[in-house]
Amino acid sequence: MANPIIPALIILAVLVLVLVLMWLGWRRRRQQGAAIPMITDLPEGATVLAEVPAFYVASTRAGEPLERLALKGLSFRSRATVAVASEGVVIAARGEYPAFIPAAQILGALPATWTIDRVVEKDGLIALSWTSGETAIDSYIRVIEQSDHIKILDAIAQIVPAPASRTTESEITA
């Protein structure tokens, strides 16, 4: 009869290899995200135009909706609070540092239907387009209440009057 320990050790070795490769991949993604500068706090005295509970879904390079970025404060999908102020947008994901995106860096916000590993009803996400240095980024937010969805889009339009020059996936399929 064959020794049952050998197949068990082979399976264990494969599992360890997969876990090590996953860890190395995430570490590489974090190092790439660390090169993108992030601000964590809303300036003192900012006027909040809208603040709603939401889900932070993901951030990707603009035009590459399957290339997740691991940015400081925007690494993991989680419940969040999204606040739009006259100075910019703050996404405070649970368990992360708040991520402040200054109004000068925001290109616009448009409805979207999908990103990375999340597909929702038509226009169920908000794609916030912004830049950090030379990197164009799309951050995807799922607002819990439909009325809040419109409130956030309107508030962002107030601080960034020019519409985004790019189109989202939801506009292409419309």
C-alpha atoms as a PDB file:
ATOM      1  CA  MET A   1       0.000   0.000   0.000  1.00  0.00           C
ATOM      2  CA  ALA A   2       1.273   3.484  -0.921  1.00  0.00           C
ATOM      3  CA  ASN A   3       2.336   5.906   1.779  1.00  0.00           C
ATOM      4  CA  PRO A   4      -0.530   8.495   2.221  1.00  0.00           C
ATOM      5  CA  ILE A   5       1.857  11.096   3.598  1.00  0.00           C
ATOM      6  CA  ILE A   6       3.519  11.790   0.232  1.00  0.00           C
ATOM      7  CA  PRO A   7       0.317  12.988  -1.567  1.00  0.00           C
ATOM      8  CA  ALA A   8      -0.619  15.047   1.503  1.00  0.00           C
ATOM      9  CA  LEU A   9       2.814  16.720   1.484  1.00  0.00           C
ATOM     10  CA  ILE A  10       2.509  17.462  -2.249  1.00  0.00           C
ATOM     11  CA  ILE A  11      -0.898  19.088  -1.729  1.00  0.00           C
ATOM     12  CA  LEU A  12       0.442  21.056   1.232  1.00  0.00           C
ATOM     13  CA  ALA A  13       3.432  22.255  -0.817  1.00  0.00           C
ATOM     14  CA  VAL A  14       1.149  23.401  -3.659  1.00  0.00           C
ATOM     15  CA  LEU A  15      -1.083  25.288  -1.204  1.00  0.00           C
ATOM     16  CA  VAL A  16       1.922  26.994   0.400  1.00  0.00           C
ATOM     17  CA  LEU A  17       3.245  27.937  -3.052  1.00  0.00           C
ATOM     18  CA  VAL A  18      -0.123  29.458  -4.034  1.00  0.00           C
ATOM     19  CA  LEU A  19      -0.290  31.456  -0.794  1.00  0.00           C
ATOM     20  CA  VAL A  20       3.274  32.745  -1.229  1.00  0.00           C
ATOM     21  CA  LEU A  21       2.526  33.801  -4.827  1.00  0.00           C
ATOM     22  CA  MET A  22      -0.661  35.595  -3.697  1.00  0.00           C
ATOM     23  CA  TRP A  23       1.278  37.409  -0.984  1.00  0.00           C
ATOM     24  CA  LEU A  24       4.035  38.432  -3.428  1.00  0.00           C
ATOM     25  CA  GLY A  25       1.449  39.706  -5.929  1.00  0.00           C
ATOM     26  CA  TRP A  26      -0.331  41.807  -3.312  1.00  0.00           C
ATOM     27  CA  ARG A  27       3.001  43.152  -2.011  1.00  0.00           C
ATOM     28  CA  ARG A  28       3.942  44.212  -5.560  1.00  0.00           C
ATOM     29  CA  ARG A  29       0.552  45.912  -5.991  1.00  0.00           C
ATOM     30  CA  ARG A  30       1.000  47.761  -2.659  1.00  0.00           C
ATOM     31  CA  GLN A  31       4.462  48.939  -3.731  1.00  0.00           C
ATOM     32  CA  GLN A  32       3.030  50.288  -6.989  1.00  0.00           C
ATOM     33  CA  GLY A  33       0.243  52.047  -5.065  1.00  0.00           C
ATOM     34  CA  ALA A  34       2.736  53.534  -2.605  1.00  0.00           C
ATOM     35  CA  ALA A  35       4.285  55.461  -5.499  1.00  0.00           C
ATOM     36  CA  ILE A  36       0.997  57.360  -5.904  1.00  0.00           C
ATOM     37  CA  PRO A  37       0.849  60.174  -3.327  1.00  0.00           C
ATOM     38  CA  MET A  38      -2.311  60.351  -1.207  1.00  0.00           C
ATOM     39  CA  ILE A  39      -3.636  62.952   1.247  1.00  0.00           C
ATOM     40  CA  THR A  40      -5.549  61.577   4.223  1.00  0.00           C
ATOM     41  CA  ASP A  41      -7.381  64.491   5.795  1.00  0.00           C
ATOM     42  CA  LEU A  42     -10.002  67.008   4.751  1.00  0.00           C
ATOM     43  CA  PRO A  43      -8.658  70.529   5.346  1.00  0.00           C
ATOM     44  CA  GLU A  44      -9.864  72.339   8.482  1.00  0.00           C
ATOM     45  CA  GLY A  45     -12.976  74.446   7.957  1.00  0.00           C
ATOM     46  CA  ALA A  46     -14.090  72.609   4.816  1.00  0.00           C
ATOM     47  CA  THR A  47     -17.729  73.049   3.837  1.00  0.00           C
ATOM     48  CA  VAL A  48     -19.334  69.611   3.450  1.00  0.00           C
ATOM     49  CA  LEU A  49     -21.855  69.582   0.601  1.00  0.00           C
ATOM     50  CA  ALA A  50     -22.946  65.945   0.951  1.00  0.00           C
ATOM     51  CA  GLU A  51     -22.023  63.000   3.162  1.00  0.00           C
ATOM     52  CA  VAL A  52     -23.495  59.527   2.701  1.00  0.00           C
ATOM     53  CA  PRO A  53     -22.876  55.918   3.726  1.00  0.00           C
ATOM     54  CA  ALA A  54     -21.597  53.798   0.870  1.00  0.00           C
ATOM     55  CA  PHE A  55     -19.438  50.852  -0.105  1.00  0.00           C
ATOM     56  CA  TYR A  56     -15.972  51.551  -1.424  1.00  0.00           C
ATOM     57  CA  VAL A  57     -15.499  49.029  -4.253  1.00  0.00           C
ATOM     58  CA  ALA A  58     -12.111  49.580  -5.916  1.00  0.00           C
ATOM     59  CA  SER A  59      -9.691  51.983  -7.538  1.00  0.00           C
ATOM     60  CA  THR A  60      -8.204  51.264 -10.935  1.00  0.00           C
ATOM     61  CA  ARG A  61      -5.999  53.000 -13.446  1.00  0.00           C
ATOM     62  CA  ALA A  62      -8.213  55.038 -15.751  1.00  0.00           C
ATOM     63  CA  GLY A  63      -9.048  53.072 -18.868  1.00  0.00           C
ATOM     64  CA  GLU A  64      -7.917  49.822 -17.219  1.00  0.00           C
ATOM     65  CA  PRO A  65     -10.970  48.711 -15.192  1.00  0.00           C
ATOM     66  CA  LEU A  66      -9.416  45.329 -14.391  1.00  0.00           C
ATOM     67  CA  GLU A  67      -6.131  46.711 -12.976  1.00  0.00           C
ATOM     68  CA  ARG A  68      -6.758  47.259  -9.244  1.00  0.00           C
ATOM     69  CA  LEU A  69      -4.639  49.809  -7.413  1.00  0.00           C
ATOM     70  CA  ALA A  70      -3.773  49.383  -3.739  1.00  0.00           C
ATOM     71  CA  LEU A  71      -3.632  53.012  -2.612  1.00  0.00           C
ATOM     72  CA  LYS A  72      -3.186  54.283   0.939  1.00  0.00           C
ATOM     73  CA  GLY A  73      -6.720  54.410   2.321  1.00  0.00           C
ATOM     74  CA  LEU A  74      -8.202  52.747  -0.760  1.00  0.00           C
ATOM     75  CA  SER A  75      -6.850  49.206  -0.757  1.00  0.00           C
ATOM     76  CA  PHE A  76      -9.756  47.005   0.298  1.00  0.00           C
ATOM     77  CA  ARG A  77     -13.451  46.861  -0.492  1.00  0.00           C
ATOM     78  CA  SER A  78     -15.488  47.836   2.557  1.00  0.00           C
ATOM     79  CA  ARG A  79     -18.243  49.970   3.988  1.00  0.00           C
ATOM     80  CA  ALA A  80     -17.336  53.625   3.782  1.00  0.00           C
ATOM     81  CA  THR A  81     -18.495  57.160   4.262  1.00  0.00           C
ATOM     82  CA  VAL A  82     -18.204  59.429   1.251  1.00  0.00           C
ATOM     83  CA  ALA A  83     -18.105  63.171   1.886  1.00  0.00           C
ATOM     84  CA  VAL A  84     -18.022  65.812  -0.819  1.00  0.00           C
ATOM     85  CA  ALA A  85     -16.752  69.187   0.351  1.00  0.00           C
ATOM     86  CA  SER A  86     -15.966  72.350  -1.520  1.00  0.00           C
ATOM     87  CA  GLU A  87     -12.273  71.392  -1.223  1.00  0.00           C
ATOM     88  CA  GLY A  88     -12.633  67.821  -2.542  1.00  0.00           C
ATOM     89  CA  VAL A  89     -13.898  64.318  -1.796  1.00  0.00           C
ATOM     90  CA  VAL A  90     -13.109  62.139   1.215  1.00  0.00           C
ATOM     91  CA  ILE A  91     -13.612  58.384   1.052  1.00  0.00           C
ATOM     92  CA  ALA A  92     -13.331  56.933   4.545  1.00  0.00           C
ATOM     93  CA  ALA A  93     -13.347  53.160   4.109  1.00  0.00           C
ATOM     94  CA  ARG A  94     -13.749  51.167   7.310  1.00  0.00           C
ATOM     95  CA  GLY A  95     -10.394  49.964   8.617  1.00  0.00           C
ATOM     96  CA  GLU A  96      -8.387  52.307   6.360  1.00  0.00           C
ATOM     97  CA  TYR A  97      -7.055  55.838   6.556  1.00  0.00           C
ATOM     98  CA  PRO A  98      -9.470  58.375   5.046  1.00  0.00           C
ATOM     99  CA  ALA A  99      -8.473  59.245   1.481  1.00  0.00           C
ATOM    100  CA  PHE A 100      -8.871  62.910   0.523  1.00  0.00           C
ATOM    101  CA  ILE A 101      -8.953  63.780  -3.164  1.00  0.00           C
ATOM    102  CA  PRO A 102      -8.562  67.554  -3.702  1.00  0.00           C
ATOM    103  CA  ALA A 103     -11.097  69.200  -6.021  1.00  0.00           C
ATOM    104  CA  ALA A 104      -8.287  70.326  -8.344  1.00  0.00           C
ATOM    105  CA  GLN A 105      -7.436  66.663  -9.016  1.00  0.00           C
ATOM    106  CA  ILE A 106     -11.022  65.521  -9.711  1.00  0.00           C
ATOM    107  CA  LEU A 107     -11.921  65.130 -13.373  1.00  0.00           C
ATOM    108  CA  GLY A 108     -15.567  64.206 -12.777  1.00  0.00           C
ATOM    109  CA  ALA A 109     -17.931  61.486 -11.661  1.00  0.00           C
ATOM    110  CA  LEU A 110     -20.165  59.359 -13.826  1.00  0.00           C
ATOM    111  CA  PRO A 111     -22.470  56.383 -13.259  1.00  0.00           C
ATOM    112  CA  ALA A 112     -20.961  52.971 -13.987  1.00  0.00           C
ATOM    113  CA  THR A 113     -22.196  49.383 -13.990  1.00  0.00           C
ATOM    114  CA  TRP A 114     -19.066  47.298 -13.378  1.00  0.00           C
ATOM    115  CA  THR A 115     -15.456  47.231 -12.259  1.00  0.00           C
ATOM    116  CA  ILE A 116     -12.920  44.509 -11.467  1.00  0.00           C
ATOM    117  CA  ASP A 117     -15.030  41.870  -9.684  1.00  0.00           C
ATOM    118  CA  ARG A 118     -18.261  43.778  -9.117  1.00  0.00           C
ATOM    119  CA  VAL A 119     -21.244  44.020 -11.467  1.00  0.00           C
ATOM    120  CA  VAL A 120     -24.403  45.811 -10.358  1.00  0.00           C
ATOM    121  CA  GLU A 121     -27.589  47.103 -11.945  1.00  0.00           C
ATOM    122  CA  LYS A 122     -27.206  49.712 -14.689  1.00  0.00           C
ATOM    123  CA  ASP A 123     -25.507  52.829 -13.279  1.00  0.00           C
ATOM    124  CA  GLY A 124     -25.402  51.359  -9.753  1.00  0.00           C
ATOM    125  CA  LEU A 125     -21.828  52.531  -9.148  1.00  0.00           C
ATOM    126  CA  ILE A 126     -20.246  55.954  -9.179  1.00  0.00           C
ATOM    127  CA  ALA A 127     -16.931  56.169 -11.036  1.00  0.00           C
ATOM    128  CA  LEU A 128     -14.980  59.062  -9.540  1.00  0.00           C
ATOM    129  CA  SER A 129     -12.253  60.045 -12.026  1.00  0.00           C
ATOM    130  CA  TRP A 130      -9.233  61.845 -10.628  1.00  0.00           C
ATOM    131  CA  THR A 131      -5.499  62.241 -10.993  1.00  0.00           C
ATOM    132  CA  SER A 132      -2.564  61.901  -8.654  1.00  0.00           C
ATOM    133  CA  GLY A 133       0.629  63.158 -10.218  1.00  0.00           C
ATOM    134  CA  GLU A 134       0.784  61.643 -13.691  1.00  0.00           C
ATOM    135  CA  THR A 135      -1.597  58.774 -12.845  1.00  0.00           C
ATOM    136  CA  ALA A 136      -5.260  58.943 -13.878  1.00  0.00           C
ATOM    137  CA  ILE A 137      -7.424  56.923 -11.492  1.00  0.00           C
ATOM    138  CA  ASP A 138     -11.046  55.771 -11.309  1.00  0.00           C
ATOM    139  CA  SER A 139     -12.417  55.023  -7.834  1.00  0.00           C
ATOM    140  CA  TYR A 140     -15.693  53.130  -7.717  1.00  0.00           C
ATOM    141  CA  ILE A 141     -18.275  53.736  -5.007  1.00  0.00           C
ATOM    142  CA  ARG A 142     -21.601  52.014  -4.431  1.00  0.00           C
ATOM    143  CA  VAL A 143     -23.959  54.369  -2.628  1.00  0.00           C
ATOM    144  CA  ILE A 144     -26.521  52.538  -0.512  1.00  0.00           C
ATOM    145  CA  GLU A 145     -29.601  54.758  -1.090  1.00  0.00           C
ATOM    146  CA  GLN A 146     -30.619  55.774  -4.627  1.00  0.00           C
ATOM    147  CA  SER A 147     -31.376  59.348  -3.486  1.00  0.00           C
ATOM    148  CA  ASP A 148     -27.843  59.562  -2.077  1.00  0.00           C
ATOM    149  CA  HIS A 149     -26.469  58.452  -5.454  1.00  0.00           C
ATOM    150  CA  ILE A 150     -27.894  61.570  -7.081  1.00  0.00           C
ATOM    151  CA  LYS A 151     -26.865  63.742  -4.117  1.00  0.00           C
ATOM    152  CA  ILE A 152     -23.210  62.682  -4.442  1.00  0.00           C
ATOM    153  CA  LEU A 153     -23.127  63.131  -8.229  1.00  0.00           C
ATOM    154  CA  ASP A 154     -24.679  66.612  -7.889  1.00  0.00           C
ATOM    155  CA  ALA A 155     -22.246  67.614  -5.134  1.00  0.00           C
ATOM    156  CA  ILE A 156     -19.258  66.495  -7.210  1.00  0.00           C
ATOM    157  CA  ALA A 157     -20.628  68.412 -10.201  1.00  0.00           C
ATOM    158  CA  GLN A 158     -20.672  71.536  -7.996  1.00  0.00           C
ATOM    159  CA  ILE A 159     -16.969  71.307  -7.241  1.00  0.00           C
ATOM    160  CA  VAL A 160     -15.993  70.157 -10.760  1.00  0.00           C
ATOM    161  CA  PRO A 161     -18.270  71.990 -13.197  1.00  0.00           C
ATOM    162  CA  ALA A 162     -16.637  70.625 -16.364  1.00  0.00           C
ATOM    163  CA  PRO A 163     -17.760  67.081 -17.261  1.00  0.00           C
ATOM    164  CA  ALA A 164     -15.169  64.325 -17.480  1.00  0.00           C
ATOM    165  CA  SER A 165     -13.608  63.997 -20.909  1.00  0.00           C
ATOM    166  CA  ARG A 166     -13.626  60.200 -20.807  1.00  0.00           C
ATOM    167  CA  THR A 167     -16.650  57.940 -21.100  1.00  0.00           C
ATOM    168  CA  THR A 168     -17.460  55.150 -18.687  1.00  0.00           C
ATOM    169  CA  GLU A 169     -18.457  51.622 -19.544  1.00  0.00           C
ATOM    170  CA  SER A 170     -22.091  52.446 -18.835  1.00  0.00           C
ATOM    171  CA  GLU A 171     -22.124  55.228 -21.443  1.00  0.00           C
ATOM    172  CA  ILE A 172     -20.594  52.939 -24.042  1.00  0.00           C
ATOM    173  CA  THR A 173     -23.274  50.283 -23.530  1.00  0.00           C
ATOM    174  CA  ALA A 174     -26.179  52.779 -23.474  1.00  0.00           C
END
